Amino acid sequence: EIVAMVAAELAQQSSLEAAAQSVVERVKRLHHDAYVSGRQRAPHCARHEDMTLLIRVINYTLADGSLTPTQ
């Protein structure tokens, strides 16, 4: 599911940093929604630590048409 989010954001964003931040925000929102819903996952979502998403892609075309760095 996270890979699909990353692919979708890479298609829309013009930098890896922007794509990663957007995915982190989406995951944070999903976490919050699970917590406030009170469903079976809610007890596992009482709190979360800081989140970091590292994306490593090689020659993936970003939304602005530029290629990502290969380093």
PDB file of N, CA and C in Angstrom:
ATOM      1  N   GLU A   1       0.832  -1.185   0.000  1.00  0.00           N
ATOM      2  CA  GLU A   1       0.000   0.000   0.000  1.00  0.00           C
ATOM      3  C   GLU A   1       0.884   1.260   0.000  1.00  0.00           C
ATOM      4  N   ILE A   2       1.964   1.208   0.759  1.00  0.00           N
ATOM      5  CA  ILE A   2       2.861   2.371   0.798  1.00  0.00           C
ATOM      6  C   ILE A   2       3.553   2.564  -0.542  1.00  0.00           C
ATOM      7  N   VAL A   3       3.927   1.472  -1.193  1.00  0.00           N
ATOM      8  CA  VAL A   3       4.565   1.582  -2.516  1.00  0.00           C
ATOM      9  C   VAL A   3       3.621   2.253  -3.502  1.00  0.00           C
ATOM     10  N   ALA A   4       2.348   1.909  -3.450  1.00  0.00           N
ATOM     11  CA  ALA A   4       1.367   2.538  -4.338  1.00  0.00           C
ATOM     12  C   ALA A   4       1.248   4.030  -4.035  1.00  0.00           C
ATOM     13  N   MET A   5       1.291   4.390  -2.756  1.00  0.00           N
ATOM     14  CA  MET A   5       1.248   5.809  -2.380  1.00  0.00           C
ATOM     15  C   MET A   5       2.469   6.541  -2.919  1.00  0.00           C
ATOM     16  N   VAL A   6       3.644   5.922  -2.784  1.00  0.00           N
ATOM     17  CA  VAL A   6       4.875   6.546  -3.270  1.00  0.00           C
ATOM     18  C   VAL A   6       4.802   6.747  -4.775  1.00  0.00           C
ATOM     19  N   ALA A   7       4.375   5.721  -5.510  1.00  0.00           N
ATOM     20  CA  ALA A   7       4.275   5.837  -6.968  1.00  0.00           C
ATOM     21  C   ALA A   7       3.314   6.950  -7.363  1.00  0.00           C
ATOM     22  N   ALA A   8       2.187   7.039  -6.677  1.00  0.00           N
ATOM     23  CA  ALA A   8       1.208   8.086  -6.986  1.00  0.00           C
ATOM     24  C   ALA A   8       1.781   9.470  -6.712  1.00  0.00           C
ATOM     25  N   GLU A   9       2.485   9.618  -5.603  1.00  0.00           N
ATOM     26  CA  GLU A   9       3.058  10.925  -5.269  1.00  0.00           C
ATOM     27  C   GLU A   9       4.215  11.289  -6.190  1.00  0.00           C
ATOM     28  N   LEU A  10       5.026  10.314  -6.591  1.00  0.00           N
ATOM     29  CA  LEU A  10       6.113  10.601  -7.526  1.00  0.00           C
ATOM     30  C   LEU A  10       5.566  11.083  -8.867  1.00  0.00           C
ATOM     31  N   ALA A  11       4.384  10.596  -9.233  1.00  0.00           N
ATOM     32  CA  ALA A  11       3.761  11.025 -10.490  1.00  0.00           C
ATOM     33  C   ALA A  11       3.238  12.458 -10.400  1.00  0.00           C
ATOM     34  N   GLN A  12       2.996  12.942  -9.179  1.00  0.00           N
ATOM     35  CA  GLN A  12       2.427  14.279  -9.001  1.00  0.00           C
ATOM     36  C   GLN A  12       3.432  15.320  -8.530  1.00  0.00           C
ATOM     37  N   GLN A  13       4.438  14.903  -7.775  1.00  0.00           N
ATOM     38  CA  GLN A  13       5.373  15.845  -7.162  1.00  0.00           C
ATOM     39  C   GLN A  13       6.591  16.062  -8.055  1.00  0.00           C
ATOM     40  N   SER A  14       7.275  17.161  -7.835  1.00  0.00           N
ATOM     41  CA  SER A  14       8.449  17.477  -8.653  1.00  0.00           C
ATOM     42  C   SER A  14       9.766  17.170  -7.951  1.00  0.00           C
ATOM     43  N   SER A  15       9.709  16.645  -6.715  1.00  0.00           N
ATOM     44  CA  SER A  15      10.942  16.270  -6.025  1.00  0.00           C
ATOM     45  C   SER A  15      10.687  15.060  -5.134  1.00  0.00           C
ATOM     46  N   LEU A  16      11.760  14.339  -4.840  1.00  0.00           N
ATOM     47  CA  LEU A  16      11.641  13.190  -3.944  1.00  0.00           C
ATOM     48  C   LEU A  16      11.216  13.624  -2.548  1.00  0.00           C
ATOM     49  N   GLU A  17      11.749  14.748  -2.103  1.00  0.00           N
ATOM     50  CA  GLU A  17      11.405  15.241  -0.773  1.00  0.00           C
ATOM     51  C   GLU A  17       9.913  15.539  -0.653  1.00  0.00           C
ATOM     52  N   ALA A  18       9.361  16.167  -1.668  1.00  0.00           N
ATOM     53  CA  ALA A  18       7.926  16.486  -1.653  1.00  0.00           C
ATOM     54  C   ALA A  18       7.089  15.213  -1.685  1.00  0.00           C
ATOM     55  N   ALA A  19       7.506  14.237  -2.483  1.00  0.00           N
ATOM     56  CA  ALA A  19       6.777  12.969  -2.554  1.00  0.00           C
ATOM     57  C   ALA A  19       6.825  12.250  -1.212  1.00  0.00           C
ATOM     58  N   ALA A  20       8.004  12.185  -0.605  1.00  0.00           N
ATOM     59  CA  ALA A  20       8.142  11.516   0.691  1.00  0.00           C
ATOM     60  C   ALA A  20       7.297  12.203   1.756  1.00  0.00           C
ATOM     61  N   GLN A  21       7.325  13.522   1.788  1.00  0.00           N
ATOM     62  CA  GLN A  21       6.541  14.259   2.784  1.00  0.00           C
ATOM     63  C   GLN A  21       5.046  14.035   2.585  1.00  0.00           C
ATOM     64  N   SER A  22       4.605  13.991   1.339  1.00  0.00           N
ATOM     65  CA  SER A  22       3.187  13.752   1.058  1.00  0.00           C
ATOM     66  C   SER A  22       2.761  12.368   1.521  1.00  0.00           C
ATOM     67  N   VAL A  23       3.611  11.369   1.295  1.00  0.00           N
ATOM     68  CA  VAL A  23       3.282  10.010   1.737  1.00  0.00           C
ATOM     69  C   VAL A  23       3.249   9.946   3.260  1.00  0.00           C
ATOM     70  N   VAL A  24       4.197  10.571   3.921  1.00  0.00           N
ATOM     71  CA  VAL A  24       4.196  10.592   5.386  1.00  0.00           C
ATOM     72  C   VAL A  24       2.910  11.238   5.900  1.00  0.00           C
ATOM     73  N   GLU A  25       2.489  12.318   5.278  1.00  0.00           N
ATOM     74  CA  GLU A  25       1.241  12.977   5.688  1.00  0.00           C
ATOM     75  C   GLU A  25       0.040  12.056   5.487  1.00  0.00           C
ATOM     76  N   ARG A  26       0.024  11.308   4.385  1.00  0.00           N
ATOM     77  CA  ARG A  26      -1.082  10.373   4.137  1.00  0.00           C
ATOM     78  C   ARG A  26      -1.099   9.260   5.174  1.00  0.00           C
ATOM     79  N   VAL A  27       0.080   8.710   5.502  1.00  0.00           N
ATOM     80  CA  VAL A  27       0.160   7.651   6.508  1.00  0.00           C
ATOM     81  C   VAL A  27      -0.272   8.190   7.868  1.00  0.00           C
ATOM     82  N   LYS A  28       0.147   9.399   8.187  1.00  0.00           N
ATOM     83  CA  LYS A  28      -0.250  10.030   9.453  1.00  0.00           C
ATOM     84  C   LYS A  28      -1.769  10.190   9.521  1.00  0.00           C
ATOM     85  N   ARG A  29      -2.367  10.594   8.414  1.00  0.00           N
ATOM     86  CA  ARG A  29      -3.822  10.760   8.364  1.00  0.00           C
ATOM     87  C   ARG A  29      -4.532   9.410   8.523  1.00  0.00           C
ATOM     88  N   LEU A  30      -4.021   8.364   7.863  1.00  0.00           N
ATOM     89  CA  LEU A  30      -4.604   7.025   8.007  1.00  0.00           C
ATOM     90  C   LEU A  30      -4.500   6.544   9.453  1.00  0.00           C
ATOM     91  N   HIS A  31      -3.358   6.793  10.072  1.00  0.00           N
ATOM     92  CA  HIS A  31      -3.152   6.415  11.468  1.00  0.00           C
ATOM     93  C   HIS A  31      -4.173   7.122  12.358  1.00  0.00           C
ATOM     94  N   HIS A  32      -4.338   8.402  12.147  1.00  0.00           N
ATOM     95  CA  HIS A  32      -5.296   9.178  12.938  1.00  0.00           C
ATOM     96  C   HIS A  32      -6.717   8.672  12.716  1.00  0.00           C
ATOM     97  N   ASP A  33      -7.079   8.421  11.465  1.00  0.00           N
ATOM     98  CA  ASP A  33      -8.428   7.941  11.159  1.00  0.00           C
ATOM     99  C   ASP A  33      -8.705   6.597  11.827  1.00  0.00           C
ATOM    100  N   ALA A  34      -7.704   5.708  11.844  1.00  0.00           N
ATOM    101  CA  ALA A  34      -7.884   4.409  12.500  1.00  0.00           C
ATOM    102  C   ALA A  34      -8.081   4.596  14.001  1.00  0.00           C
ATOM    103  N   TYR A  35      -7.362   5.539  14.573  1.00  0.00           N
ATOM    104  CA  TYR A  35      -7.474   5.777  16.012  1.00  0.00           C
ATOM    105  C   TYR A  35      -8.839   6.344  16.388  1.00  0.00           C
ATOM    106  N   VAL A  36      -9.302   7.347  15.666  1.00  0.00           N
ATOM    107  CA  VAL A  36     -10.568   7.978  16.035  1.00  0.00           C
ATOM    108  C   VAL A  36     -11.780   7.145  15.643  1.00  0.00           C
ATOM    109  N   SER A  37     -11.598   6.167  14.772  1.00  0.00           N
ATOM    110  CA  SER A  37     -12.733   5.343  14.351  1.00  0.00           C
ATOM    111  C   SER A  37     -13.209   4.416  15.463  1.00  0.00           C
ATOM    112  N   GLY A  38     -12.294   4.070  16.380  1.00  0.00           N
ATOM    113  CA  GLY A  38     -12.675   3.186  17.472  1.00  0.00           C
ATOM    114  C   GLY A  38     -12.800   1.734  17.067  1.00  0.00           C
ATOM    115  N   ARG A  39     -12.388   1.411  15.854  1.00  0.00           N
ATOM    116  CA  ARG A  39     -12.495   0.025  15.395  1.00  0.00           C
ATOM    117  C   ARG A  39     -11.411  -0.845  16.024  1.00  0.00           C
ATOM    118  N   GLN A  40     -11.300  -2.067  15.547  1.00  0.00           N
ATOM    119  CA  GLN A  40     -10.399  -3.045  16.154  1.00  0.00           C
ATOM    120  C   GLN A  40      -8.934  -2.622  16.136  1.00  0.00           C
ATOM    121  N   ARG A  41      -8.524  -1.785  15.185  1.00  0.00           N
ATOM    122  CA  ARG A  41      -7.127  -1.344  15.133  1.00  0.00           C
ATOM    123  C   ARG A  41      -6.845  -0.186  16.096  1.00  0.00           C
ATOM    124  N   ALA A  42      -7.863   0.454  16.577  1.00  0.00           N
ATOM    125  CA  ALA A  42      -7.692   1.648  17.413  1.00  0.00           C
ATOM    126  C   ALA A  42      -6.770   1.442  18.616  1.00  0.00           C
ATOM    127  N   PRO A  43      -6.852   0.314  19.336  1.00  0.00           N
ATOM    128  CA  PRO A  43      -5.946   0.148  20.484  1.00  0.00           C
ATOM    129  C   PRO A  43      -4.462   0.160  20.095  1.00  0.00           C
ATOM    130  N   HIS A  44      -4.150  -0.173  18.855  1.00  0.00           N
ATOM    131  CA  HIS A  44      -2.760  -0.193  18.388  1.00  0.00           C
ATOM    132  C   HIS A  44      -2.311   1.168  17.868  1.00  0.00           C
ATOM    133  N   CYS A  45      -3.215   2.121  17.820  1.00  0.00           N
ATOM    134  CA  CYS A  45      -2.921   3.428  17.220  1.00  0.00           C
ATOM    135  C   CYS A  45      -2.990   4.565  18.225  1.00  0.00           C
ATOM    136  N   ALA A  46      -2.792   4.262  19.484  1.00  0.00           N
ATOM    137  CA  ALA A  46      -2.932   5.290  20.513  1.00  0.00           C
ATOM    138  C   ALA A  46      -1.902   6.406  20.373  1.00  0.00           C
ATOM    139  N   ARG A  47      -0.726   6.090  19.868  1.00  0.00           N
ATOM    140  CA  ARG A  47       0.288   7.117  19.667  1.00  0.00           C
ATOM    141  C   ARG A  47       1.239   6.638  18.585  1.00  0.00           C
ATOM    142  N   HIS A  48       2.035   7.555  18.090  1.00  0.00           N
ATOM    143  CA  HIS A  48       3.051   7.178  17.103  1.00  0.00           C
ATOM    144  C   HIS A  48       4.295   8.015  17.325  1.00  0.00           C
ATOM    145  N   GLU A  49       5.410   7.440  16.960  1.00  0.00           N
ATOM    146  CA  GLU A  49       6.680   8.157  17.031  1.00  0.00           C
ATOM    147  C   GLU A  49       6.819   8.994  15.768  1.00  0.00           C
ATOM    148  N   ASP A  50       7.878   9.773  15.703  1.00  0.00           N
ATOM    149  CA  ASP A  50       8.160  10.517  14.481  1.00  0.00           C
ATOM    150  C   ASP A  50       8.297   9.540  13.323  1.00  0.00           C
ATOM    151  N   MET A  51       7.859   9.967  12.154  1.00  0.00           N
ATOM    152  CA  MET A  51       7.928   9.107  10.978  1.00  0.00           C
ATOM    153  C   MET A  51       8.895   9.684   9.963  1.00  0.00           C
ATOM    154  N   THR A  52       9.665   8.806   9.357  1.00  0.00           N
ATOM    155  CA  THR A  52      10.569   9.173   8.282  1.00  0.00           C
ATOM    156  C   THR A  52      10.381   8.170   7.164  1.00  0.00           C
ATOM    157  N   LEU A  53      10.325   8.656   5.947  1.00  0.00           N
ATOM    158  CA  LEU A  53      10.215   7.770   4.795  1.00  0.00           C
ATOM    159  C   LEU A  53      11.410   8.018   3.896  1.00  0.00           C
ATOM    160  N   LEU A  54      12.172   6.984   3.652  1.00  0.00           N
ATOM    161  CA  LEU A  54      13.315   7.063   2.760  1.00  0.00           C
ATOM    162  C   LEU A  54      12.918   6.438   1.433  1.00  0.00           C
ATOM    163  N   ILE A  55      13.025   7.210   0.368  1.00  0.00           N
ATOM    164  CA  ILE A  55      12.691   6.714  -0.966  1.00  0.00           C
ATOM    165  C   ILE A  55      13.970   6.661  -1.778  1.00  0.00           C
ATOM    166  N   ARG A  56      14.250   5.514  -2.339  1.00  0.00           N
ATOM    167  CA  ARG A  56      15.412   5.386  -3.212  1.00  0.00           C
ATOM    168  C   ARG A  56      14.913   4.899  -4.564  1.00  0.00           C
ATOM    169  N   VAL A  57      15.071   5.732  -5.545  1.00  0.00           N
ATOM    170  CA  VAL A  57      14.665   5.389  -6.902  1.00  0.00           C
ATOM    171  C   VAL A  57      15.815   5.717  -7.848  1.00  0.00           C
ATOM    172  N   ILE A  58      15.894   4.983  -8.925  1.00  0.00           N
ATOM    173  CA  ILE A  58      16.935   5.213  -9.922  1.00  0.00           C
ATOM    174  C   ILE A  58      16.268   5.396 -11.273  1.00  0.00           C
ATOM    175  N   ASN A  59      16.550   6.528 -11.904  1.00  0.00           N
ATOM    176  CA  ASN A  59      16.025   6.839 -13.233  1.00  0.00           C
ATOM    177  C   ASN A  59      14.506   6.759 -13.307  1.00  0.00           C
ATOM    178  N   TYR A  60      13.835   7.275 -12.304  1.00  0.00           N
ATOM    179  CA  TYR A  60      12.377   7.336 -12.280  1.00  0.00           C
ATOM    180  C   TYR A  60      11.981   8.745 -12.674  1.00  0.00           C
ATOM    181  N   THR A  61      11.112   8.873 -13.644  1.00  0.00           N
ATOM    182  CA  THR A  61      10.712  10.193 -14.114  1.00  0.00           C
ATOM    183  C   THR A  61       9.728  10.826 -13.137  1.00  0.00           C
ATOM    184  N   LEU A  62      10.063  12.025 -12.691  1.00  0.00           N
ATOM    185  CA  LEU A  62       9.186  12.760 -11.783  1.00  0.00           C
ATOM    186  C   LEU A  62       8.108  13.490 -12.573  1.00  0.00           C
ATOM    187  N   ALA A  63       7.186  14.104 -11.873  1.00  0.00           N
ATOM    188  CA  ALA A  63       6.053  14.780 -12.508  1.00  0.00           C
ATOM    189  C   ALA A  63       6.494  15.870 -13.479  1.00  0.00           C
ATOM    190  N   ASP A  64       7.601  16.548 -13.176  1.00  0.00           N
ATOM    191  CA  ASP A  64       8.053  17.623 -14.058  1.00  0.00           C
ATOM    192  C   ASP A  64       8.883  17.117 -15.234  1.00  0.00           C
ATOM    193  N   GLY A  65       8.999  15.802 -15.368  1.00  0.00           N
ATOM    194  CA  GLY A  65       9.714  15.211 -16.496  1.00  0.00           C
ATOM    195  C   GLY A  65      11.189  14.995 -16.266  1.00  0.00           C
ATOM    196  N   SER A  66      11.709  15.435 -15.120  1.00  0.00           N
ATOM    197  CA  SER A  66      13.128  15.237 -14.852  1.00  0.00           C
ATOM    198  C   SER A  66      13.366  13.858 -14.256  1.00  0.00           C
ATOM    199  N   LEU A  67      14.554  13.340 -14.511  1.00  0.00           N
ATOM    200  CA  LEU A  67      14.921  12.047 -13.949  1.00  0.00           C
ATOM    201  C   LEU A  67      15.469  12.241 -12.548  1.00  0.00           C
ATOM    202  N   THR A  68      15.263  11.241 -11.706  1.00  0.00           N
ATOM    203  CA  THR A  68      15.829  11.294 -10.369  1.00  0.00           C
ATOM    204  C   THR A  68      17.323  11.023 -10.453  1.00  0.00           C
ATOM    205  N   PRO A  69      18.076  11.480  -9.476  1.00  0.00           N
ATOM    206  CA  PRO A  69      19.516  11.201  -9.488  1.00  0.00           C
ATOM    207  C   PRO A  69      19.786   9.711  -9.317  1.00  0.00           C
ATOM    208  N   THR A  70      20.900   9.269  -9.829  1.00  0.00           N
ATOM    209  CA  THR A  70      21.237   7.844  -9.742  1.00  0.00           C
ATOM    210  C   THR A  70      22.186   7.557  -8.595  1.00  0.00           C
ATOM    211  N   GLN A  71      22.446   8.522  -7.747  1.00  0.00           N
ATOM    212  CA  GLN A  71      23.357   8.301  -6.618  1.00  0.00           C
ATOM    213  C   GLN A  71      22.604   7.789  -5.424  1.00  0.00           C
TER     214      GLN A  71
END
